[in-house]
PDB file of N, CA and C in Angstrom:
ATOM      1  N   UNK A   1      14.831   7.703  -9.553  1.00  0.00           N
ATOM      2  CA  UNK A   1      14.562   7.534  -8.029  1.00  0.00           C
ATOM      3  C   UNK A   1      13.803   6.683  -7.580  1.00  0.00           C
ATOM      4  N   UNK A   2      13.658   5.939  -7.095  1.00  0.00           N
ATOM      5  CA  UNK A   2      12.514   4.756  -6.414  1.00  0.00           C
ATOM      6  C   UNK A   2      13.187   4.240  -4.904  1.00  0.00           C
ATOM      7  N   UNK A   3      11.980   3.459  -4.358  1.00  0.00           N
ATOM      8  CA  UNK A   3      12.188   3.108  -2.980  1.00  0.00           C
ATOM      9  C   UNK A   3      11.025   1.866  -3.024  1.00  0.00           C
ATOM     10  N   UNK A   4      11.135   0.989  -1.957  1.00  0.00           N
ATOM     11  CA  UNK A   4      10.394  -0.163  -1.604  1.00  0.00           C
ATOM     12  C   UNK A   4      10.014  -0.020  -0.221  1.00  0.00           C
ATOM     13  N   UNK A   5       8.982   0.457  -0.131  1.00  0.00           N
ATOM     14  CA  UNK A   5       8.258   0.650   1.331  1.00  0.00           C
ATOM     15  C   UNK A   5       7.335  -0.602   1.572  1.00  0.00           C
ATOM     16  N   UNK A   6       7.121  -0.607   3.112  1.00  0.00           N
ATOM     17  CA  UNK A   6       6.241  -1.620   3.703  1.00  0.00           C
ATOM     18  C   UNK A   6       5.240  -0.947   4.310  1.00  0.00           C
ATOM     19  N   UNK A   7       4.095  -1.510   4.034  1.00  0.00           N
ATOM     20  CA  UNK A   7       2.693  -0.802   4.712  1.00  0.00           C
ATOM     21  C   UNK A   7       1.433  -1.825   4.583  1.00  0.00           C
ATOM     22  N   UNK A   8       0.871  -1.903   5.883  1.00  0.00           N
ATOM     23  CA  UNK A   8       0.056  -2.963   5.745  1.00  0.00           C
ATOM     24  C   UNK A   8       0.241  -4.434   5.520  1.00  0.00           C
ATOM     25  N   UNK A   9       1.414  -4.857   5.844  1.00  0.00           N
ATOM     26  CA  UNK A   9       2.075  -6.291   5.914  1.00  0.00           C
ATOM     27  C   UNK A   9       2.403  -6.560   4.163  1.00  0.00           C
ATOM     28  N   UNK A  10       2.534  -5.570   3.103  1.00  0.00           N
ATOM     29  CA  UNK A  10       2.959  -5.612   1.991  1.00  0.00           C
ATOM     30  C   UNK A  10       4.177  -4.744   1.448  1.00  0.00           C
ATOM     31  N   UNK A  11       4.482  -5.113   0.272  1.00  0.00           N
ATOM     32  CA  UNK A  11       5.689  -4.342  -0.065  1.00  0.00           C
ATOM     33  C   UNK A  11       5.310  -3.661  -1.384  1.00  0.00           C
ATOM     34  N   UNK A  12       5.774  -2.320  -1.547  1.00  0.00           N
ATOM     35  CA  UNK A  12       5.244  -1.483  -3.058  1.00  0.00           C
ATOM     36  C   UNK A  12       6.792  -0.910  -3.472  1.00  0.00           C
ATOM     37  N   UNK A  13       6.685  -0.958  -4.737  1.00  0.00           N
ATOM     38  CA  UNK A  13       7.873  -0.195  -5.355  1.00  0.00           C
ATOM     39  C   UNK A  13       7.116   1.141  -5.604  1.00  0.00           C
ATOM     40  N   UNK A  14       7.706   2.295  -5.350  1.00  0.00           N
ATOM     41  CA  UNK A  14       7.178   3.552  -5.672  1.00  0.00           C
ATOM     42  C   UNK A  14       8.347   4.285  -5.823  1.00  0.00           C
ATOM     43  N   UNK A  15       7.926   5.531  -6.941  1.00  0.00           N
ATOM     44  CA  UNK A  15       8.728   6.686  -7.304  1.00  0.00           C
ATOM     45  C   UNK A  15       7.630   7.830  -6.958  1.00  0.00           C
ATOM     46  N   UNK A  16       8.245   8.910  -7.367  1.00  0.00           N
ATOM     47  CA  UNK A  16       7.412  10.266  -6.966  1.00  0.00           C
ATOM     48  C   UNK A  16       6.558  10.259  -8.373  1.00  0.00           C
ATOM     49  N   UNK A  17       5.198  10.540  -8.043  1.00  0.00           N
ATOM     50  CA  UNK A  17       4.167  10.766  -8.831  1.00  0.00           C
ATOM     51  C   UNK A  17       3.622   9.524  -9.053  1.00  0.00           C
ATOM     52  N   UNK A  18       3.670   8.564  -8.553  1.00  0.00           N
ATOM     53  CA  UNK A  18       3.100   7.206  -8.558  1.00  0.00           C
ATOM     54  C   UNK A  18       1.906   7.027  -7.677  1.00  0.00           C
ATOM     55  N   UNK A  19       0.771   6.471  -8.217  1.00  0.00           N
ATOM     56  CA  UNK A  19      -0.536   6.364  -7.217  1.00  0.00           C
ATOM     57  C   UNK A  19      -0.585   4.790  -7.141  1.00  0.00           C
ATOM     58  N   UNK A  20      -0.524   4.671  -5.645  1.00  0.00           N
ATOM     59  CA  UNK A  20      -0.926   3.200  -5.493  1.00  0.00           C
ATOM     60  C   UNK A  20      -1.966   3.015  -4.353  1.00  0.00           C
ATOM     61  N   UNK A  21      -2.671   1.989  -4.463  1.00  0.00           N
ATOM     62  CA  UNK A  21      -3.704   1.321  -3.581  1.00  0.00           C
ATOM     63  C   UNK A  21      -3.082   0.817  -2.654  1.00  0.00           C
ATOM     64  N   UNK A  22      -3.256   0.977  -1.336  1.00  0.00           N
ATOM     65  CA  UNK A  22      -2.818   0.174  -0.309  1.00  0.00           C
ATOM     66  C   UNK A  22      -3.983  -0.244   0.853  1.00  0.00           C
ATOM     67  N   UNK A  23      -3.461  -0.611   1.834  1.00  0.00           N
ATOM     68  CA  UNK A  23      -4.325  -1.318   2.868  1.00  0.00           C
ATOM     69  C   UNK A  23      -4.950   0.101   3.550  1.00  0.00           C
ATOM     70  N   UNK A  24      -6.168   0.044   4.033  1.00  0.00           N
ATOM     71  CA  UNK A  24      -6.701   1.223   4.672  1.00  0.00           C
ATOM     72  C   UNK A  24      -6.024   2.101   5.638  1.00  0.00           C
ATOM     73  N   UNK A  25      -5.684   3.335   5.632  1.00  0.00           N
ATOM     74  CA  UNK A  25      -4.642   4.070   6.592  1.00  0.00           C
ATOM     75  C   UNK A  25      -5.889   4.743   7.211  1.00  0.00           C
ATOM     76  N   UNK A  26      -5.589   5.360   8.475  1.00  0.00           N
ATOM     77  CA  UNK A  26      -6.717   6.167   9.361  1.00  0.00           C
ATOM     78  C   UNK A  26      -6.124   7.890   9.110  1.00  0.00           C
ATOM     79  N   UNK A  27      -6.234   8.158   7.937  1.00  0.00           N
ATOM     80  CA  UNK A  27      -5.737   9.432   7.354  1.00  0.00           C
ATOM     81  C   UNK A  27      -7.028   9.907   6.592  1.00  0.00           C
ATOM     82  N   UNK A  28      -7.166  11.180   6.926  1.00  0.00           N
ATOM     83  CA  UNK A  28      -8.213  12.112   5.866  1.00  0.00           C
ATOM     84  C   UNK A  28      -7.671  12.332   4.609  1.00  0.00           C
ATOM     85  N   UNK A  29      -8.814  12.357   3.827  1.00  0.00           N
ATOM     86  CA  UNK A  29      -8.551  12.832   2.271  1.00  0.00           C
ATOM     87  C   UNK A  29      -7.669  14.499   2.261  1.00  0.00           C
ATOM     88  N   UNK A  30      -6.894  14.231   1.503  1.00  0.00           N
ATOM     89  CA  UNK A  30      -6.156  15.640   1.380  1.00  0.00           C
ATOM     90  C   UNK A  30      -4.993  15.517   2.174  1.00  0.00           C
ATOM     91  N   UNK A  31      -4.702  14.867   3.038  1.00  0.00           N
ATOM     92  CA  UNK A  31      -3.538  14.729   4.217  1.00  0.00           C
ATOM     93  C   UNK A  31      -2.274  14.180   3.764  1.00  0.00           C
ATOM     94  N   UNK A  32      -1.335  14.378   4.054  1.00  0.00           N
ATOM     95  CA  UNK A  32       0.018  14.023   4.109  1.00  0.00           C
ATOM     96  C   UNK A  32       0.421  12.654   5.047  1.00  0.00           C
ATOM     97  N   UNK A  33       1.011  11.922   4.197  1.00  0.00           N
ATOM     98  CA  UNK A  33       1.283  10.507   5.219  1.00  0.00           C
ATOM     99  C   UNK A  33       2.794  10.188   4.973  1.00  0.00           C
ATOM    100  N   UNK A  34       3.348   9.762   6.069  1.00  0.00           N
ATOM    101  CA  UNK A  34       5.018   9.419   5.783  1.00  0.00           C
ATOM    102  C   UNK A  34       5.032   7.970   6.139  1.00  0.00           C
ATOM    103  N   UNK A  35       5.579   7.367   4.934  1.00  0.00           N
ATOM    104  CA  UNK A  35       5.970   5.892   5.427  1.00  0.00           C
ATOM    105  C   UNK A  35       7.592   5.939   5.822  1.00  0.00           C
ATOM    106  N   UNK A  36       7.724   5.385   6.908  1.00  0.00           N
ATOM    107  CA  UNK A  36       9.060   5.103   7.440  1.00  0.00           C
ATOM    108  C   UNK A  36       9.754   3.971   7.313  1.00  0.00           C
ATOM    109  N   UNK A  37       8.763   2.940   6.887  1.00  0.00           N
ATOM    110  CA  UNK A  37       9.627   1.847   6.788  1.00  0.00           C
ATOM    111  C   UNK A  37      10.002   1.247   5.419  1.00  0.00           C
ATOM    112  N   UNK A  38      11.286   1.761   4.978  1.00  0.00           N
ATOM    113  CA  UNK A  38      11.945   1.949   3.599  1.00  0.00           C
ATOM    114  C   UNK A  38      12.761   0.734   3.728  1.00  0.00           C
ATOM    115  N   UNK A  39      12.532  -0.263   2.709  1.00  0.00           N
ATOM    116  CA  UNK A  39      13.209  -1.472   2.532  1.00  0.00           C
ATOM    117  C   UNK A  39      14.423  -1.116   1.813  1.00  0.00           C
ATOM    118  N   UNK A  40      14.228  -0.378   0.863  1.00  0.00           N
ATOM    119  CA  UNK A  40      15.436  -0.413  -0.403  1.00  0.00           C
ATOM    120  C   UNK A  40      15.299   1.169  -1.028  1.00  0.00           C
ATOM    121  N   UNK A  41      16.539   1.634  -1.354  1.00  0.00           N
ATOM    122  CA  UNK A  41      16.467   3.170  -1.835  1.00  0.00           C
ATOM    123  C   UNK A  41      17.248   3.370  -2.957  1.00  0.00           C
ATOM    124  N   UNK A  42      16.991   3.753  -4.027  1.00  0.00           N
ATOM    125  CA  UNK A  42      17.559   3.953  -5.306  1.00  0.00           C
ATOM    126  C   UNK A  42      17.823   5.385  -5.348  1.00  0.00           C
ATOM    127  N   UNK A  43      18.822   6.112  -5.455  1.00  0.00           N
ATOM    128  CA  UNK A  43      19.153   7.523  -5.806  1.00  0.00           C
ATOM    129  C   UNK A  43      20.592   7.577  -6.384  1.00  0.00           C
ATOM    130  N   UNK A  44      20.343   8.310  -7.497  1.00  0.00           N
ATOM    131  CA  UNK A  44      21.781   8.754  -8.267  1.00  0.00           C
ATOM    132  C   UNK A  44      22.552   7.620  -8.649  1.00  0.00           C
ATOM    133  N   UNK A  45      21.571   6.376  -9.198  1.00  0.00           N
ATOM    134  CA  UNK A  45      22.111   5.260  -9.626  1.00  0.00           C
ATOM    135  C   UNK A  45      22.895   4.309  -8.583  1.00  0.00           C
ATOM    136  N   UNK A  46      22.779   4.474  -7.161  1.00  0.00           N
ATOM    137  CA  UNK A  46      23.289   4.035  -5.957  1.00  0.00           C
ATOM    138  C   UNK A  46      22.145   3.305  -5.359  1.00  0.00           C
ATOM    139  N   UNK A  47      22.413   1.911  -5.198  1.00  0.00           N
ATOM    140  CA  UNK A  47      21.387   1.188  -4.470  1.00  0.00           C
ATOM    141  C   UNK A  47      21.835   1.095  -3.089  1.00  0.00           C
ATOM    142  N   UNK A  48      20.859   1.432  -1.841  1.00  0.00           N
ATOM    143  CA  UNK A  48      20.973   1.466  -0.821  1.00  0.00           C
ATOM    144  C   UNK A  48      20.141   0.073  -0.135  1.00  0.00           C
ATOM    145  N   UNK A  49      20.433  -0.965   0.157  1.00  0.00           N
ATOM    146  CA  UNK A  49      19.492  -1.883   0.670  1.00  0.00           C
ATOM    147  C   UNK A  49      19.400  -1.681   2.320  1.00  0.00           C
ATOM    148  N   UNK A  50      18.493  -1.946   2.909  1.00  0.00           N
ATOM    149  CA  UNK A  50      18.108  -1.569   4.265  1.00  0.00           C
ATOM    150  C   UNK A  50      18.554  -3.079   5.171  1.00  0.00           C
ATOM    151  N   UNK A  51      18.820  -3.057   6.444  1.00  0.00           N
ATOM    152  CA  UNK A  51      19.074  -4.462   7.024  1.00  0.00           C
ATOM    153  C   UNK A  51      18.409  -4.181   8.450  1.00  0.00           C
ATOM    154  N   UNK A  52      17.193  -4.275   8.541  1.00  0.00           N
ATOM    155  CA  UNK A  52      15.998  -4.481   7.816  1.00  0.00           C
ATOM    156  C   UNK A  52      15.539  -3.088   7.078  1.00  0.00           C
ATOM    157  N   UNK A  53      15.942  -2.153   7.677  1.00  0.00           N
ATOM    158  CA  UNK A  53      15.193  -0.502   7.043  1.00  0.00           C
ATOM    159  C   UNK A  53      16.372   0.331   6.740  1.00  0.00           C
ATOM    160  N   UNK A  54      16.231   1.150   5.583  1.00  0.00           N
ATOM    161  CA  UNK A  54      17.327   2.032   5.393  1.00  0.00           C
ATOM    162  C   UNK A  54      17.321   3.349   6.347  1.00  0.00           C
ATOM    163  N   UNK A  55      18.331   3.451   7.114  1.00  0.00           N
ATOM    164  CA  UNK A  55      18.378   4.578   8.177  1.00  0.00           C
ATOM    165  C   UNK A  55      18.133   5.863   7.652  1.00  0.00           C
ATOM    166  N   UNK A  56      17.190   6.615   7.988  1.00  0.00           N
ATOM    167  CA  UNK A  56      17.079   7.916   7.858  1.00  0.00           C
ATOM    168  C   UNK A  56      16.102   8.441   6.480  1.00  0.00           C
ATOM    169  N   UNK A  57      15.455   7.233   5.736  1.00  0.00           N
ATOM    170  CA  UNK A  57      14.786   7.488   4.674  1.00  0.00           C
ATOM    171  C   UNK A  57      13.233   7.314   4.972  1.00  0.00           C
ATOM    172  N   UNK A  58      12.767   8.190   3.894  1.00  0.00           N
ATOM    173  CA  UNK A  58      11.287   8.229   4.263  1.00  0.00           C
ATOM    174  C   UNK A  58      10.493   8.640   2.945  1.00  0.00           C
ATOM    175  N   UNK A  59       9.472   8.400   2.766  1.00  0.00           N
ATOM    176  CA  UNK A  59       8.653   8.435   1.682  1.00  0.00           C
ATOM    177  C   UNK A  59       7.215   9.424   2.288  1.00  0.00           C
ATOM    178  N   UNK A  60       7.190  10.266   1.366  1.00  0.00           N
ATOM    179  CA  UNK A  60       5.774  11.417   1.616  1.00  0.00           C
ATOM    180  C   UNK A  60       4.856  11.177   0.491  1.00  0.00           C
ATOM    181  N   UNK A  61       3.577  10.659   1.084  1.00  0.00           N
ATOM    182  CA  UNK A  61       2.513  10.717   0.035  1.00  0.00           C
ATOM    183  C   UNK A  61       1.437  11.483   0.700  1.00  0.00           C
ATOM    184  N   UNK A  62       0.240  11.741  -0.329  1.00  0.00           N
ATOM    185  CA  UNK A  62      -0.654  12.469  -0.230  1.00  0.00           C
ATOM    186  C   UNK A  62      -1.852  11.467  -0.162  1.00  0.00           C
ATOM    187  N   UNK A  63      -2.787  11.384   0.898  1.00  0.00           N
ATOM    188  CA  UNK A  63      -3.951  10.864   0.433  1.00  0.00           C
ATOM    189  C   UNK A  63      -5.107  11.078  -0.298  1.00  0.00           C
ATOM    190  N   UNK A  64      -5.228  10.527  -1.661  1.00  0.00           N
ATOM    191  CA  UNK A  64      -6.286  10.772  -2.505  1.00  0.00           C
ATOM    192  C   UNK A  64      -7.693  10.586  -2.285  1.00  0.00           C
ATOM    193  N   UNK A  65      -8.047   9.288  -1.773  1.00  0.00           N
ATOM    194  CA  UNK A  65      -9.210   8.795  -1.509  1.00  0.00           C
ATOM    195  C   UNK A  65      -9.562   7.627  -0.610  1.00  0.00           C
ATOM    196  N   UNK A  66     -10.259   7.397   0.018  1.00  0.00           N
ATOM    197  CA  UNK A  66     -10.534   6.311   0.818  1.00  0.00           C
ATOM    198  C   UNK A  66     -11.794   5.670   0.254  1.00  0.00           C
ATOM    199  N   UNK A  67     -11.748   4.221  -0.221  1.00  0.00           N
ATOM    200  CA  UNK A  67     -12.799   3.715  -1.031  1.00  0.00           C
ATOM    201  C   UNK A  67     -12.588   2.177  -0.604  1.00  0.00           C
ATOM    202  N   UNK A  68     -13.696   1.439  -1.398  1.00  0.00           N
ATOM    203  CA  UNK A  68     -13.626   0.214  -1.027  1.00  0.00           C
ATOM    204  C   UNK A  68     -13.425  -0.290  -2.311  1.00  0.00           C
ATOM    205  N   UNK A  69     -12.965  -1.689  -2.474  1.00  0.00           N
ATOM    206  CA  UNK A  69     -12.657  -2.354  -3.894  1.00  0.00           C
ATOM    207  C   UNK A  69     -13.995  -2.821  -4.652  1.00  0.00           C
ATOM    208  N   UNK A  70     -13.931  -3.394  -5.675  1.00  0.00           N
ATOM    209  CA  UNK A  70     -14.870  -4.375  -6.220  1.00  0.00           C
ATOM    210  C   UNK A  70     -15.383  -5.310  -5.100  1.00  0.00           C
ATOM    211  N   UNK A  71     -16.848  -5.928  -5.366  1.00  0.00           N
ATOM    212  CA  UNK A  71     -17.239  -6.748  -4.759  1.00  0.00           C
ATOM    213  C   UNK A  71     -16.813  -8.248  -5.002  1.00  0.00           C
ATOM    214  N   UNK A  72     -16.067  -9.239  -4.021  1.00  0.00           N
ATOM    215  CA  UNK A  72     -15.666 -10.451  -4.448  1.00  0.00           C
ATOM    216  C   UNK A  72     -16.727 -11.433  -3.679  1.00  0.00           C
ATOM    217  N   UNK A  73     -17.193 -12.153  -4.599  1.00  0.00           N
ATOM    218  CA  UNK A  73     -18.232 -12.981  -4.012  1.00  0.00           C
ATOM    219  C   UNK A  73     -17.602 -14.631  -3.622  1.00  0.00           C
ATOM    220  N   UNK A  74     -18.064 -14.941  -2.377  1.00  0.00           N
ATOM    221  CA  UNK A  74     -17.555 -16.091  -1.738  1.00  0.00           C
ATOM    222  C   UNK A  74     -19.094 -16.925  -1.823  1.00  0.00           C
ATOM    223  N   UNK A  75     -18.763 -18.189  -2.517  1.00  0.00           N
ATOM    224  CA  UNK A  75     -19.751 -19.255  -2.791  1.00  0.00           C
ATOM    225  C   UNK A  75     -19.171 -20.569  -2.095  1.00  0.00           C
ATOM    226  N   UNK A  76     -19.961 -21.055  -1.160  1.00  0.00           N
ATOM    227  CA  UNK A  76     -19.363 -22.306  -0.653  1.00  0.00           C
ATOM    228  C   UNK A  76     -20.734 -23.219  -1.031  1.00  0.00           C
ATOM    229  N   UNK A  77     -20.593 -24.380  -1.387  1.00  0.00           N
ATOM    230  CA  UNK A  77     -21.630 -25.471  -1.992  1.00  0.00           C
ATOM    231  C   UNK A  77     -20.941 -27.040  -1.674  1.00  0.00           C
ATOM    232  N   UNK A  78     -21.930 -27.724  -1.101  1.00  0.00           N
ATOM    233  CA  UNK A  78     -21.716 -29.278  -0.802  1.00  0.00           C
ATOM    234  C   UNK A  78     -22.809 -29.885  -1.825  1.00  0.00           C
ATOM    235  N   UNK A  79     -22.117 -30.777  -2.625  1.00  0.00           N
ATOM    236  CA  UNK A  79     -23.180 -31.269  -3.335  1.00  0.00           C
ATOM    237  C   UNK A  79     -23.912 -32.585  -2.835  1.00  0.00           C
ATOM    238  N   UNK A  80     -25.353 -32.591  -2.901  1.00  0.00           N
ATOM    239  CA  UNK A  80     -26.406 -33.454  -2.342  1.00  0.00           C
ATOM    240  C   UNK A  80     -26.559 -33.343  -0.634  1.00  0.00           C
ATOM    241  N   UNK A  81     -25.896 -32.399  -0.431  1.00  0.00           N
ATOM    242  CA  UNK A  81     -26.179 -32.164   1.076  1.00  0.00           C
ATOM    243  C   UNK A  81     -26.941 -30.701   1.312  1.00  0.00           C
ATOM    244  N   UNK A  82     -27.677 -30.103   0.415  1.00  0.00           N
ATOM    245  CA  UNK A  82     -28.385 -29.066   0.728  1.00  0.00           C
ATOM    246  C   UNK A  82     -27.648 -27.898   1.465  1.00  0.00           C
ATOM    247  N   UNK A  83     -26.437 -27.936   1.025  1.00  0.00           N
ATOM    248  CA  UNK A  83     -25.842 -26.647   1.813  1.00  0.00           C
ATOM    249  C   UNK A  83     -25.142 -25.686   0.767  1.00  0.00           C
ATOM    250  N   UNK A  84     -25.385 -24.538   0.940  1.00  0.00           N
ATOM    251  CA  UNK A  84     -24.941 -23.572   0.021  1.00  0.00           C
ATOM    252  C   UNK A  84     -24.618 -22.189   0.761  1.00  0.00           C
ATOM    253  N   UNK A  85     -23.899 -21.227   0.769  1.00  0.00           N
ATOM    254  CA  UNK A  85     -23.583 -19.867   1.461  1.00  0.00           C
ATOM    255  C   UNK A  85     -23.006 -19.136   0.594  1.00  0.00           C
ATOM    256  N   UNK A  86     -23.597 -17.815   0.335  1.00  0.00           N
ATOM    257  CA  UNK A  86     -23.099 -17.014  -0.498  1.00  0.00           C
ATOM    258  C   UNK A  86     -22.922 -15.813   0.095  1.00  0.00           C
ATOM    259  N   UNK A  87     -21.520 -15.197  -0.060  1.00  0.00           N
ATOM    260  CA  UNK A  87     -21.344 -13.793   0.907  1.00  0.00           C
ATOM    261  C   UNK A  87     -20.432 -13.117  -0.020  1.00  0.00           C
ATOM    262  N   UNK A  88     -20.530 -11.852   0.052  1.00  0.00           N
ATOM    263  CA  UNK A  88     -19.806 -10.631  -0.738  1.00  0.00           C
ATOM    264  C   UNK A  88     -18.903 -10.063   0.423  1.00  0.00           C
ATOM    265  N   UNK A  89     -18.011  -9.486  -0.069  1.00  0.00           N
ATOM    266  CA  UNK A  89     -16.932  -8.672   0.532  1.00  0.00           C
ATOM    267  C   UNK A  89     -16.226  -7.481  -0.033  1.00  0.00           C
ATOM    268  N   UNK A  90     -16.226  -6.357   0.312  1.00  0.00           N
ATOM    269  CA  UNK A  90     -15.497  -5.344  -0.317  1.00  0.00           C
ATOM    270  C   UNK A  90     -14.263  -5.050   0.735  1.00  0.00           C
ATOM    271  N   UNK A  91     -13.131  -4.987  -0.110  1.00  0.00           N
ATOM    272  CA  UNK A  91     -12.158  -4.634   0.889  1.00  0.00           C
ATOM    273  C   UNK A  91     -11.779  -3.229   0.875  1.00  0.00           C
ATOM    274  N   UNK A  92     -11.504  -2.457   1.898  1.00  0.00           N
ATOM    275  CA  UNK A  92     -11.382  -1.095   2.094  1.00  0.00           C
ATOM    276  C   UNK A  92     -10.124  -0.777   1.872  1.00  0.00           C
ATOM    277  N   UNK A  93      -9.655   0.210   1.038  1.00  0.00           N
ATOM    278  CA  UNK A  93      -8.254   0.786   0.631  1.00  0.00           C
ATOM    279  C   UNK A  93      -8.046   2.053   0.791  1.00  0.00           C
ATOM    280  N   UNK A  94      -6.965   2.582   0.552  1.00  0.00           N
ATOM    281  CA  UNK A  94      -6.583   4.017   0.661  1.00  0.00           C
ATOM    282  C   UNK A  94      -5.495   4.221  -0.854  1.00  0.00           C
ATOM    283  N   UNK A  95      -6.109   5.206  -1.394  1.00  0.00           N
ATOM    284  CA  UNK A  95      -5.137   5.350  -2.512  1.00  0.00           C
ATOM    285  C   UNK A  95      -4.211   6.897  -2.368  1.00  0.00           C
ATOM    286  N   UNK A  96      -3.037   6.407  -2.612  1.00  0.00           N
ATOM    287  CA  UNK A  96      -2.212   7.588  -2.235  1.00  0.00           C
ATOM    288  C   UNK A  96      -1.369   8.073  -3.463  1.00  0.00           C
ATOM    289  N   UNK A  97      -0.864   8.976  -3.679  1.00  0.00           N
ATOM    290  CA  UNK A  97      -0.105   9.688  -4.403  1.00  0.00           C
ATOM    291  C   UNK A  97       1.291   9.883  -3.882  1.00  0.00           C
ATOM    292  N   UNK A  98       2.304   9.181  -4.445  1.00  0.00           N
ATOM    293  CA  UNK A  98       3.730   9.649  -4.045  1.00  0.00           C
ATOM    294  C   UNK A  98       4.120  10.818  -4.273  1.00  0.00           C
ATOM    295  N   UNK A  99       4.399  11.719  -3.317  1.00  0.00           N
ATOM    296  CA  UNK A  99       4.984  13.250  -3.572  1.00  0.00           C
ATOM    297  C   UNK A  99       6.665  13.009  -3.578  1.00  0.00           C
ATOM    298  N   UNK A 100       7.358  12.691  -2.645  1.00  0.00           N
ATOM    299  CA  UNK A 100       8.665  12.909  -2.562  1.00  0.00           C
ATOM    300  C   UNK A 100       9.572  11.807  -1.766  1.00  0.00           C
ATOM    301  N   UNK A 101      10.609  11.039  -2.075  1.00  0.00           N
ATOM    302  CA  UNK A 101      11.532  10.236  -1.405  1.00  0.00           C
ATOM    303  C   UNK A 101      12.549  11.086  -0.912  1.00  0.00           C
ATOM    304  N   UNK A 102      12.820  10.907   0.733  1.00  0.00           N
ATOM    305  CA  UNK A 102      14.077  11.485   1.266  1.00  0.00           C
ATOM    306  C   UNK A 102      14.801  10.727   1.790  1.00  0.00           C
ATOM    307  N   UNK A 103      16.155  10.907   1.891  1.00  0.00           N
ATOM    308  CA  UNK A 103      17.164  10.173   2.164  1.00  0.00           C
ATOM    309  C   UNK A 103      18.214  11.278   2.902  1.00  0.00           C
ATOM    310  N   UNK A 104      19.102  10.455   4.141  1.00  0.00           N
ATOM    311  CA  UNK A 104      19.902  11.144   4.613  1.00  0.00           C
ATOM    312  C   UNK A 104      21.308  11.555   3.815  1.00  0.00           C
TER     313      UNK A 104
END
């Protein structure tokens, strides 16, 4: 059994037991969260495609941790103009473990 969910402007292929890193959610660690935007659902070798969402389907996950990704360095440079800018960025994310996929 697997499903395609949409969260944070991105789509993820998930199945029970998967651990995924998604855009930051405002949910505390250890709490459960529900993803209601299910775009595709496979159950018992039957594929159900939403138009745009599968009705009555939801994915339940448990928040494992709230963290930041590794630092990305942004460096801008213009030759012969004495211009250089160095910036860093750490994107926040939420790690979620998929517990179960429910469908009507």
